[in-house]
Protein backbone atom coordinates (compact mmCIF):
# COMPACT_ATOMS: atom_id res chain seq x y z
CA MET A 1 -50.72 89.13 152.84
CA THR A 2 -49.82 92.76 152.18
CA GLU A 3 -49.66 95.45 154.83
CA SER A 4 -52.85 97.11 153.43
CA ASP A 5 -54.72 93.78 153.59
CA ALA A 6 -53.61 93.33 157.17
CA GLN A 7 -54.77 96.82 158.09
CA LEU A 8 -58.13 96.23 156.35
CA GLY A 9 -58.57 92.96 158.23
CA LYS A 10 -57.76 94.67 161.50
CA ALA A 11 -60.32 97.43 160.73
CA VAL A 12 -63.04 94.88 159.91
CA ARG A 13 -62.35 92.93 163.11
CA SER A 14 -62.48 96.18 165.04
CA ALA A 15 -65.81 97.18 163.47
CA PHE A 16 -67.50 93.82 164.01
CA GLY A 17 -66.04 93.44 167.44
CA SER A 18 -67.45 96.75 168.68
CA PRO A 19 -70.23 96.51 171.35
CA MET A 20 -72.01 99.43 169.63
CA SER A 21 -72.28 97.43 166.38
CA LEU A 22 -73.96 94.59 168.25
CA PHE A 23 -76.40 97.02 169.91
CA VAL A 24 -77.35 98.65 166.59
CA LEU A 25 -77.88 95.29 164.88
CA SER A 26 -80.00 94.01 167.75
CA LEU A 27 -82.17 97.13 167.65
CA ALA A 28 -82.50 96.86 163.86
CA ALA A 29 -83.53 93.18 164.12
CA ILE A 30 -86.26 94.05 166.62
CA VAL A 31 -87.60 96.90 164.46
CA VAL A 32 -87.62 94.77 161.25
CA THR A 33 -89.25 91.85 163.05
CA PHE A 34 -91.99 94.14 164.42
CA GLY A 35 -92.56 95.59 160.96
CA LEU A 36 -92.82 92.19 159.34
CA ALA A 37 -95.23 90.94 161.98
CA ASN A 38 -97.66 93.82 161.26
CA SER A 39 -97.29 93.75 157.47
CA THR A 40 -99.74 92.21 154.97
CA ILE A 41 -97.08 90.03 153.38
CA ALA A 42 -97.94 86.36 152.92
CA PHE A 43 -97.17 84.10 155.91
CA GLU A 44 -94.65 81.95 154.02
CA THR A 45 -92.76 85.07 152.94
CA LYS A 46 -92.77 86.36 156.53
CA THR A 47 -91.36 83.02 157.70
CA ARG A 48 -88.48 83.19 155.22
CA PHE A 49 -87.66 86.79 156.32
CA PHE A 50 -87.74 85.79 160.00
CA ALA A 51 -85.36 82.87 159.30
CA ALA A 52 -83.00 85.17 157.40
CA ILE A 53 -83.00 87.67 160.30
CA VAL A 54 -82.18 84.90 162.82
CA VAL A 55 -79.35 83.49 160.65
CA ALA A 56 -77.91 86.98 160.04
CA TYR A 57 -78.02 87.80 163.74
CA ILE A 58 -76.27 84.53 164.67
CA LEU A 59 -73.60 85.08 162.03
CA PHE A 60 -73.02 88.60 163.24
CA CYS A 61 -72.64 87.40 166.84
CA ILE A 62 -70.09 84.80 165.70
CA VAL A 63 -68.13 87.38 163.69
CA SER A 64 -68.31 89.83 166.61
CA PHE A 65 -66.89 87.24 169.03
CA VAL A 66 -64.10 86.31 166.63
CA GLY A 67 -63.40 89.98 166.03
CA ARG A 68 -63.03 90.73 169.72
CA SER A 69 -60.75 87.70 170.16
CA GLY A 70 -58.74 88.76 167.14
CA ASN A 71 -58.35 92.28 168.49
CA ALA A 72 -57.15 90.91 171.82
CA LEU A 73 -54.63 88.67 170.09
CA TRP A 74 -53.58 91.52 167.83
CA ASN A 75 -53.02 93.84 170.77
CA VAL A 76 -50.92 91.39 172.82
CA GLU A 77 -49.04 89.80 169.95
CA GLY A 78 -45.93 91.95 170.46
CA PHE A 79 -46.15 91.53 174.23
CA ASP A 80 -46.38 87.75 173.89
CA ASN A 81 -43.40 87.66 171.55
CA ALA A 82 -41.40 89.77 174.01
CA ASN A 83 -42.41 87.49 176.86
CA LEU A 84 -41.42 84.40 174.90
CA ASP A 85 -38.01 85.92 174.17
CA LEU A 86 -37.53 86.89 177.83
CA ASP A 87 -38.63 83.44 179.01
CA ARG A 88 -36.13 81.87 176.64
CA LYS A 89 -33.29 84.01 178.02
CA LEU A 90 -34.31 83.34 181.62
CA SER A 91 -34.53 79.64 180.84
CA LEU A 92 -30.95 79.76 179.57
CA LEU A 93 -29.87 81.11 182.95
CA GLU A 94 -31.80 78.34 184.71
CA ASP A 95 -30.24 75.73 182.43
CA ALA A 96 -26.80 77.15 183.19
CA ALA A 97 -27.56 76.98 186.93
CA ASN A 98 -28.57 73.33 186.62
CA PHE A 99 -25.69 72.35 184.36
CA PHE A 100 -22.83 74.21 186.05
CA ALA A 101 -24.08 74.06 189.65
CA GLY A 102 -21.14 73.61 192.00
CA THR A 103 -18.49 73.30 189.27
CA LEU A 104 -17.51 76.89 188.40
CA ARG A 105 -15.60 79.50 190.34
CA THR A 106 -17.39 82.78 191.04
CA SER A 107 -15.43 84.71 188.41
CA ASP A 108 -16.35 82.20 185.67
CA THR A 109 -19.96 82.16 186.81
CA MET A 110 -20.22 85.95 186.72
CA ARG A 111 -18.74 86.17 183.24
CA LEU A 112 -21.48 83.82 182.08
CA ILE A 113 -24.20 85.75 183.93
CA ALA A 114 -22.99 89.18 182.76
CA ALA A 115 -23.08 88.11 179.11
CA LYS A 116 -26.67 86.85 179.40
CA LEU A 117 -27.85 89.66 181.66
CA ARG A 118 -26.80 92.36 179.18
CA GLU A 119 -29.30 90.87 176.71
CA ILE A 120 -32.11 91.35 179.23
CA VAL A 121 -31.20 94.58 181.06
CA PRO A 122 -28.46 96.69 179.41
CA PHE A 123 -25.74 98.04 181.70
CA ASP A 124 -22.16 99.35 181.46
CA ASP A 125 -20.49 97.98 184.60
CA CYS A 126 -21.35 95.49 187.32
CA VAL A 127 -19.92 94.15 190.55
CA LEU A 128 -20.84 91.13 192.65
CA LEU A 129 -20.63 91.84 196.39
CA LYS A 130 -20.35 88.83 198.68
CA VAL A 131 -21.92 89.22 202.13
CA ASP A 132 -19.60 88.56 205.07
CA LEU A 133 -21.92 88.35 208.07
CA ILE A 134 -19.07 87.67 210.52
CA GLU A 135 -17.29 90.96 209.79
CA GLY A 136 -20.43 92.78 208.66
CA ARG A 137 -19.01 93.81 205.30
CA PHE A 138 -19.47 93.53 201.55
CA ARG A 139 -16.48 92.24 199.58
CA ALA A 140 -16.31 92.52 195.79
CA VAL A 141 -15.58 89.08 194.35
CA HIS A 142 -16.07 89.90 190.67
CA SER A 143 -16.48 92.97 188.47
CA ASP A 144 -17.19 93.45 184.79
CA GLY A 145 -17.02 96.43 182.41
CA ASN A 146 -14.65 99.31 181.76
CA MET A 147 -14.48 100.21 185.44
CA ALA A 148 -13.83 96.61 186.56
CA PRO A 149 -10.26 97.24 187.84
CA MET A 150 -11.51 100.03 190.14
CA LEU A 151 -14.49 98.03 191.37
CA ARG A 152 -12.62 94.77 191.90
CA ASN A 153 -11.21 95.40 195.39
CA SER A 154 -14.18 97.27 196.84
CA GLU A 155 -15.03 96.57 200.46
CA PHE A 156 -17.46 98.39 202.76
CA GLY A 157 -20.05 97.89 205.51
CA LEU A 158 -23.36 96.10 205.05
CA GLY A 159 -25.30 99.23 205.96
CA VAL A 160 -23.64 101.48 203.39
CA GLY A 161 -24.81 102.70 200.00
CA LEU A 162 -27.37 101.31 197.57
CA ALA A 163 -26.14 97.76 198.14
CA GLY A 164 -26.76 98.24 201.85
CA ARG A 165 -30.35 99.31 201.15
CA ALA A 166 -30.92 96.21 199.03
CA PHE A 167 -29.37 94.04 201.75
CA ARG A 168 -31.72 95.43 204.40
CA SER A 169 -34.91 95.43 202.32
CA GLN A 170 -34.15 92.21 200.38
CA MET A 171 -35.66 94.03 197.38
CA VAL A 172 -34.24 95.50 194.18
CA GLU A 173 -33.18 99.10 194.89
CA ALA A 174 -32.31 101.70 192.24
CA VAL A 175 -31.07 105.27 192.03
CA GLN A 176 -31.13 107.58 189.01
CA GLY A 177 -29.00 110.67 188.65
CA ARG A 178 -25.47 110.96 189.97
CA VAL A 179 -24.50 107.80 191.84
CA ALA A 180 -23.34 108.50 195.41
CA THR A 181 -20.05 106.73 196.12
CA ASP A 182 -18.46 108.47 199.10
CA GLU A 183 -18.55 105.41 201.34
CA THR A 184 -18.59 102.62 198.80
CA TYR A 185 -16.69 102.58 195.51
CA HIS A 186 -13.70 104.56 194.30
CA SER A 187 -14.98 107.93 193.09
CA LEU A 188 -13.13 107.64 189.77
CA ALA A 189 -14.98 104.40 189.01
CA MET A 190 -18.34 106.19 189.25
CA GLU A 191 -17.60 109.48 187.48
CA SER A 192 -19.57 108.51 184.38
CA SER A 193 -22.29 106.47 186.12
CA ARG A 194 -25.70 108.13 186.21
CA ALA A 195 -27.88 105.22 187.35
CA SER A 196 -27.40 102.14 189.47
CA VAL A 197 -29.48 99.20 190.66
CA ALA A 198 -28.69 96.73 193.46
CA VAL A 199 -30.15 93.24 193.18
CA PRO A 200 -30.10 91.11 196.36
CA LEU A 201 -29.57 87.38 195.87
CA VAL A 202 -31.58 85.68 198.60
CA SER A 203 -31.12 82.07 199.68
CA ARG A 204 -33.26 80.57 202.45
CA GLY A 205 -34.35 83.97 203.63
CA GLU A 206 -30.85 85.48 203.82
CA VAL A 207 -29.01 87.73 201.38
CA VAL A 208 -25.84 85.91 200.32
CA ALA A 209 -24.69 88.49 197.76
CA VAL A 210 -25.74 91.70 196.03
CA LEU A 211 -25.31 92.24 192.31
CA GLN A 212 -24.95 95.95 191.54
CA LEU A 213 -25.24 97.32 188.00
CA PHE A 214 -24.19 100.75 186.74
CA ALA A 215 -25.23 102.66 183.61
CA ARG A 216 -24.23 105.94 181.99
CA ASP A 217 -27.86 106.61 181.02
CA GLN A 218 -29.64 108.28 183.94
CA ASN A 219 -32.97 106.84 182.75
CA ALA A 220 -31.73 103.27 183.02
CA PHE A 221 -33.20 100.75 185.45
CA GLY A 222 -36.81 101.95 185.34
CA LYS A 223 -39.75 100.10 186.87
CA ASP A 224 -40.04 97.52 184.07
CA GLN A 225 -36.32 96.72 184.20
CA ARG A 226 -36.39 96.41 187.98
CA ASP A 227 -39.25 93.92 187.67
CA LEU A 228 -37.17 91.95 185.18
CA LEU A 229 -34.22 91.96 187.58
CA GLU A 230 -36.45 90.52 190.32
CA ALA A 231 -37.13 87.56 188.03
CA VAL A 232 -33.48 87.33 187.03
CA ALA A 233 -32.36 87.25 190.67
CA ASN A 234 -34.37 84.08 191.30
CA ARG A 235 -32.67 82.40 188.32
CA ILE A 236 -29.08 83.38 189.04
CA GLU A 237 -29.05 82.96 192.82
CA PRO A 238 -28.57 79.15 192.69
CA LEU A 239 -25.74 79.61 190.19
CA VAL A 240 -23.95 82.24 192.28
CA SER A 241 -24.48 80.40 195.58
CA GLY A 242 -23.25 77.16 194.02
CA SER A 243 -20.10 78.81 192.70
CA MET A 244 -19.33 80.44 196.05
CA SER A 245 -19.82 77.10 197.85
CA TYR A 246 -17.61 75.35 195.31
CA GLU A 247 -14.91 77.99 195.72
CA ALA A 248 -15.07 77.71 199.51
CA SER A 249 -14.77 73.92 199.36
CA VAL A 250 -11.75 74.14 197.07
CA ASP A 251 -10.10 76.72 199.31
CA ASN A 252 -10.85 74.66 202.41
CA ALA A 253 -9.40 71.57 200.76
CA LEU A 254 -6.07 73.42 200.42
CA THR A 255 -6.14 75.35 203.71
CA ASP A 256 -5.31 74.42 207.28
CA PRO A 257 -8.30 75.54 209.38
CA THR A 258 -6.24 76.31 212.52
CA THR A 259 -3.62 78.66 211.06
CA GLU A 260 -5.33 79.44 207.72
CA LEU A 261 -2.03 78.59 206.07
CA PRO A 262 -1.92 76.28 203.04
CA ASN A 263 -1.98 72.59 204.00
CA GLU A 264 0.26 69.71 202.94
CA ARG A 265 -1.64 69.06 199.73
CA ALA A 266 -1.24 72.70 198.68
CA PHE A 267 2.44 72.58 199.62
CA PHE A 268 3.16 69.62 197.35
CA LEU A 269 1.30 71.28 194.46
CA VAL A 270 3.52 74.36 194.80
CA LEU A 271 6.71 72.37 195.35
CA GLU A 272 6.13 70.19 192.30
CA ASN A 273 5.65 73.32 190.22
CA GLN A 274 8.90 74.77 191.57
CA ILE A 275 10.74 71.53 190.82
CA ALA A 276 9.42 71.63 187.26
CA GLU A 277 10.87 75.14 186.88
CA THR A 278 14.18 73.94 188.32
CA GLN A 279 14.32 71.03 185.87
CA ARG A 280 13.64 73.42 183.02
CA LYS A 281 16.51 75.75 184.07
CA PRO A 282 18.77 73.64 186.30
CA GLU A 283 21.72 76.04 186.14
CA ASP A 284 19.76 79.19 186.99
CA ARG A 285 17.12 78.01 189.41
CA GLN A 286 17.33 75.80 192.48
CA VAL A 287 14.80 74.93 195.17
CA SER A 288 15.17 73.85 198.80
CA VAL A 289 12.78 72.74 201.53
CA LEU A 290 12.71 73.44 205.26
CA SER A 291 10.89 71.25 207.75
CA VAL A 292 10.42 72.75 211.22
CA ASP A 293 8.36 71.85 214.25
CA VAL A 294 7.82 73.29 217.72
CA LYS A 295 9.93 71.94 220.56
CA CYS A 296 7.86 70.56 223.45
CA PHE A 297 4.57 71.32 221.68
CA ALA A 298 2.91 68.27 223.27
CA ASP A 299 3.78 69.63 226.72
CA VAL A 300 2.00 72.93 225.95
CA ASN A 301 -1.13 71.04 224.90
CA THR A 302 -1.01 68.94 228.06
CA ARG A 303 -0.38 71.82 230.48
CA PHE A 304 -2.57 74.54 228.97
CA GLY A 305 -5.03 72.78 226.67
CA HIS A 306 -5.48 72.47 222.93
CA ALA A 307 -6.92 75.98 222.52
CA THR A 308 -3.63 77.39 223.82
CA GLY A 309 -1.78 74.97 221.53
CA ASP A 310 -3.69 76.39 218.57
CA ARG A 311 -2.75 79.94 219.60
CA LEU A 312 0.87 78.85 219.85
CA LEU A 313 0.78 77.46 216.30
CA ASN A 314 -0.50 80.80 215.00
CA PHE A 315 2.12 82.64 217.05
CA VAL A 316 4.90 80.48 215.57
CA ALA A 317 3.51 80.78 212.03
CA ASP A 318 3.55 84.60 212.21
CA LYS A 319 7.13 84.69 213.49
CA ILE A 320 8.31 82.27 210.78
CA LYS A 321 6.63 84.29 208.03
CA SER A 322 8.32 87.47 209.28
CA GLN A 323 11.75 85.97 208.45
CA LEU A 324 10.95 84.48 205.04
CA ARG A 325 11.44 86.04 201.64
CA GLN A 326 8.38 87.20 199.71
CA MET A 327 8.71 84.30 197.26
CA ASP A 328 8.92 81.61 199.97
CA PHE A 329 5.90 79.39 200.59
CA ILE A 330 4.95 78.15 204.07
CA ALA A 331 2.37 75.48 204.92
CA ARG A 332 1.19 73.81 208.10
CA THR A 333 1.18 70.09 207.42
CA ARG A 334 0.75 67.77 210.39
CA ASP A 335 0.53 68.40 214.15
CA ASP A 336 3.11 71.13 214.89
CA GLU A 337 5.12 70.77 211.66
CA PHE A 338 5.57 73.52 209.08
CA LEU A 339 7.03 72.92 205.62
CA ILE A 340 8.61 75.80 203.71
CA ALA A 341 9.47 75.84 200.01
CA LEU A 342 12.43 78.09 199.15
CA PRO A 343 12.50 78.86 195.42
CA THR A 344 15.94 79.76 193.95
CA ALA A 345 17.56 78.70 197.25
CA ASP A 346 20.56 76.39 197.39
CA HIS A 347 22.03 74.76 200.51
CA ASP A 348 23.77 77.98 201.64
CA THR A 349 20.63 80.11 201.24
CA ALA A 350 18.55 77.57 203.18
CA THR A 351 21.14 77.67 205.98
CA GLU A 352 21.00 81.46 206.09
CA ILE A 353 17.21 81.39 206.47
CA ILE A 354 17.51 78.84 209.28
CA ASP A 355 19.98 81.16 211.02
CA ARG A 356 17.49 84.03 210.76
CA LEU A 357 14.80 81.84 212.29
CA ARG A 358 17.11 80.80 215.13
CA THR A 359 17.73 84.47 215.88
CA GLU A 360 14.02 85.27 215.75
CA PHE A 361 13.19 82.50 218.24
CA PHE A 362 16.19 83.11 220.52
CA ASP A 363 14.91 83.61 224.06
CA CYS A 364 11.37 83.68 222.67
CA ARG A 365 8.49 83.37 225.11
CA PHE A 366 4.80 82.76 224.50
CA ARG A 367 2.08 83.93 226.89
CA ALA A 368 -0.01 80.85 227.61
CA ASN A 369 -2.41 82.67 229.93
CA ASP A 370 -2.59 85.79 232.07
CA SER A 371 -0.02 84.52 234.56
CA GLN A 372 2.16 82.00 232.70
CA THR A 373 4.56 82.05 229.77
CA THR A 374 6.53 79.28 228.09
CA ASP A 375 9.73 79.13 226.05
CA VAL A 376 9.33 78.61 222.31
CA ASP A 377 11.97 77.15 220.01
CA LEU A 378 12.03 75.10 216.81
CA ASN A 379 13.64 71.99 215.38
CA TYR A 380 15.02 72.38 211.86
CA GLY A 381 15.75 70.19 208.88
CA HIS A 382 16.45 71.17 205.30
CA SER A 383 17.14 69.56 201.92
CA SER A 384 17.76 70.68 198.35
CA PHE A 385 16.53 69.32 195.05
CA GLY A 386 19.18 67.30 193.24
CA SER A 387 21.61 66.76 196.08
CA ASP A 388 19.01 65.35 198.49
CA GLY A 389 16.36 63.97 196.18
CA GLU A 390 14.93 64.00 192.68
CA SER A 391 11.24 64.51 193.50
CA ALA A 392 9.02 66.50 195.84
CA LYS A 393 8.40 63.41 197.96
CA THR A 394 12.07 62.53 198.43
CA ILE A 395 13.35 66.00 199.29
CA VAL A 396 10.53 66.50 201.83
CA ALA A 397 11.38 63.11 203.36
CA SER A 398 15.03 64.14 203.57
CA ALA A 399 14.19 67.44 205.28
CA ARG A 400 12.00 65.61 207.79
CA GLU A 401 14.73 63.08 208.54
CA ARG A 402 17.22 65.85 209.28
CA ARG A 403 14.69 67.59 211.49
CA GLU A 404 14.29 64.38 213.51
CA GLN A 405 18.05 64.03 213.72
CA SER A 406 18.30 67.57 215.13
CA LYS A 407 16.17 66.51 218.10
CA LEU A 408 18.91 64.24 219.51
CA SER A 409 19.95 65.67 222.84
CA VAL A 410 23.33 63.93 222.95
CA ARG A 411 25.86 65.17 220.42
CA GLY A 412 27.63 62.46 218.46
CA SER A 413 24.72 60.03 218.54
CA VAL A 414 23.83 58.58 215.17
CA VAL A 415 20.41 57.62 213.89
CA TRP A 416 20.07 55.84 210.53
CA PHE A 417 17.14 56.67 208.28
CA PRO A 418 16.62 54.60 205.11
CA LYS A 419 16.70 56.57 201.87
CA GLU A 420 13.76 56.26 199.48
CA TYR A 421 15.70 57.30 196.42
CA VAL A 422 18.84 56.46 194.51
CA ASN A 423 20.95 59.50 193.70
């Protein structure tokens, strides 16, 4: 069908579908019927004319109905196609949420969302702000676009800026014109931004994050686009929440909850990586391990309670970290023990670090409560890869053995510990 045929068809449907056309035909049918009834034409002829009028009127009504339906379909055809395309894109986000739920980190999730979201609502830059209710702050956990490096480390209060408005109202909030950034993002990041929209991601009645988009076009993020973003928020919230929960579970699996230091599992992952580097360059790179624990830690727990014992562990951890090199890796493993990986450190370097720790804890006292303090000191053991073991497991075992040996109160006593390796 050519374009002219299509236009002619549309004109015909419009003409037949008009209410005025139906009124005129109805009036004409009444007038003709009245004229026939009062004419001198033969009865059989009148009957045929009446039948023709009835059939014509019915046909016109049918064509009029089809015409009106056709006009309605014609008018919404583009809208329906747009809706189908939007539904398809939104469905892709839902499918991604169902498929990847709880398996992607936030950064990977946001890369996926940003790529799909640009097809629905164009933007230049975006940032995902995680809500920290404990500290009452937004923290940027992912950014995308040319300004991503400047947006990445943003952090500000929950009541500040456009994101703060979206957090309070739990509704999509937008601003057009120059984007105010005094209390939120770095001013250089927003120099070219002329419009912004903040989309709250709500889970079980609470805002868990805010997705903020920026555009250089000051007419961006109009009413229609904000409505689209409302629908988008419902699709992406499960995906974002799932990724944040997954990330938290992974972090918790590698973190000691009392000191917030890495745990034993994390320590062995790092140590095995360091050993691999040492094996690759044995002449240039060595690695040693320290094992330390707190003298009389059980007594502190017994006298002052476990809450005080937990404070003591954090106190000791901070003092140990103050004497380590930037490259060193400390973990809290079991009870009051800390393991420390010392990359590039041989036996002499490990001994020097132990000496620094001894000095740091010399005559050290810890305030257990308002009226009492207690002495704090450590037991030490160290080992080096190669001379004391050929794997992460064996050198850690060796360091622990030497730490236990250091606890002997009588000099000259000997304790035998079986070796788990053959050198």
